[in-house]
Amino acid sequence: MSSLSIFRKVAVLEGISYLLLLFVAMPLKYYADMPVAVKYTGWAHGLLFVLYAALLVLAWQEQKWKFGKAVLIFLASLLPFMPFVVDRKLKDERAL
């Protein structure tokens, strides 16, 4: 299995964890007084974010991407929903 295919899977999981953190755990913390939701969801998201960054470096080397492309893919991880866009674009690139 290539580092790119592993990266794409982790990117989707990271995107899901980010959305869960923002739209489920944070409201539970502030509106239902359940800070433990952020603790565990945040921990999982943090781990997936570190994996995303590490696997991005591996995929960057394997695919011989330009520096700018790798930077854009990294920045995409900071915005909600963007990891899904990255996954789709990488899937479409792979098909060509």
Protein backbone atom coordinates (compact mmCIF):
# COMPACT_ATOMS: atom_id res chain seq x y z
CA MET A 1 0.00 0.00 0.00
CA SER A 2 1.44 3.39 -0.97
CA SER A 3 1.88 6.25 1.44
CA LEU A 4 -0.53 8.25 -0.72
CA SER A 5 -3.38 5.79 -0.22
CA ILE A 6 -2.73 5.71 3.53
CA PHE A 7 -2.54 9.51 3.57
CA ARG A 8 -5.91 9.78 1.81
CA LYS A 9 -7.55 7.50 4.39
CA VAL A 10 -6.06 9.45 7.29
CA ALA A 11 -7.08 12.74 5.64
CA VAL A 12 -10.72 11.64 5.59
CA LEU A 13 -10.55 10.47 9.22
CA GLU A 14 -8.86 13.74 10.23
CA GLY A 15 -11.59 15.71 8.47
CA ILE A 16 -14.31 13.73 10.24
CA SER A 17 -12.63 14.18 13.63
CA TYR A 18 -12.34 17.94 13.00
CA LEU A 19 -16.04 18.21 12.18
CA LEU A 20 -16.97 16.14 15.23
CA LEU A 21 -14.81 18.38 17.40
CA LEU A 22 -16.30 21.60 16.01
CA PHE A 23 -19.94 20.64 15.61
CA VAL A 24 -20.52 17.99 18.28
CA ALA A 25 -17.93 18.15 21.06
CA MET A 26 -17.64 21.93 21.33
CA PRO A 27 -21.42 22.50 21.56
CA LEU A 28 -21.63 19.70 24.14
CA LYS A 29 -18.92 21.40 26.17
CA TYR A 30 -20.49 24.85 26.14
CA TYR A 31 -24.22 24.12 25.98
CA ALA A 32 -24.50 20.81 27.87
CA ASP A 33 -21.61 21.31 30.30
CA MET A 34 -19.83 18.18 29.04
CA PRO A 35 -16.14 19.13 28.70
CA VAL A 36 -15.14 15.46 28.50
CA ALA A 37 -16.47 15.39 24.91
CA VAL A 38 -13.79 17.88 23.85
CA LYS A 39 -11.13 16.06 25.84
CA TYR A 40 -11.51 12.78 23.97
CA THR A 41 -12.52 14.12 20.58
CA GLY A 42 -9.70 16.65 20.75
CA TRP A 43 -7.21 13.95 21.66
CA ALA A 44 -8.29 11.79 18.71
CA HIS A 45 -8.23 14.77 16.36
CA GLY A 46 -4.77 15.77 17.55
CA LEU A 47 -3.41 12.29 16.92
CA LEU A 48 -4.97 12.20 13.45
CA PHE A 49 -3.61 15.67 12.68
CA VAL A 50 -0.07 14.56 13.54
CA LEU A 51 -0.53 11.45 11.36
CA TYR A 52 -1.87 13.67 8.56
CA ALA A 53 1.23 15.87 8.70
CA ALA A 54 3.67 12.93 8.87
CA LEU A 55 1.98 11.04 6.05
CA LEU A 56 1.83 14.21 3.98
CA VAL A 57 5.62 14.40 4.12
CA LEU A 58 5.91 10.76 3.06
CA ALA A 59 3.40 11.18 0.21
CA TRP A 60 5.13 14.40 -0.87
CA GLN A 61 8.42 12.56 -1.21
CA GLU A 62 6.86 9.52 -2.87
CA GLN A 63 4.80 11.53 -5.37
CA LYS A 64 7.51 14.16 -5.96
CA TRP A 65 5.06 17.02 -5.49
CA LYS A 66 6.18 20.62 -5.66
CA PHE A 67 6.63 22.41 -2.34
CA GLY A 68 3.63 24.69 -2.98
CA LYS A 69 1.30 21.74 -3.48
CA ALA A 70 2.41 20.15 -0.21
CA VAL A 71 1.88 23.47 1.60
CA LEU A 72 -1.64 23.83 0.17
CA ILE A 73 -2.51 20.29 1.19
CA PHE A 74 -1.25 21.02 4.71
CA LEU A 75 -3.23 24.27 4.91
CA ALA A 76 -6.33 22.37 3.81
CA SER A 77 -6.17 20.39 7.05
CA LEU A 78 -6.79 23.62 8.98
CA LEU A 79 -10.15 24.32 7.34
CA PRO A 80 -13.33 22.32 7.93
CA PHE A 81 -14.41 20.16 4.98
CA MET A 82 -11.18 20.78 3.03
CA PRO A 83 -9.59 17.37 3.76
CA PHE A 84 -12.49 15.86 1.81
CA VAL A 85 -11.75 18.18 -1.14
CA VAL A 86 -8.08 17.18 -0.99
CA ASP A 87 -9.02 13.51 -0.98
CA ARG A 88 -11.26 13.98 -4.01
CA LYS A 89 -8.59 15.91 -5.94
CA LEU A 90 -5.92 13.31 -5.16
CA LYS A 91 -8.31 10.55 -6.22
CA ASP A 92 -9.02 12.35 -9.49
CA GLU A 93 -5.29 12.91 -10.10
CA ARG A 94 -4.62 9.24 -9.50
CA ALA A 95 -7.25 8.29 -12.08
CA LEU A 96 -5.37 10.22 -14.79
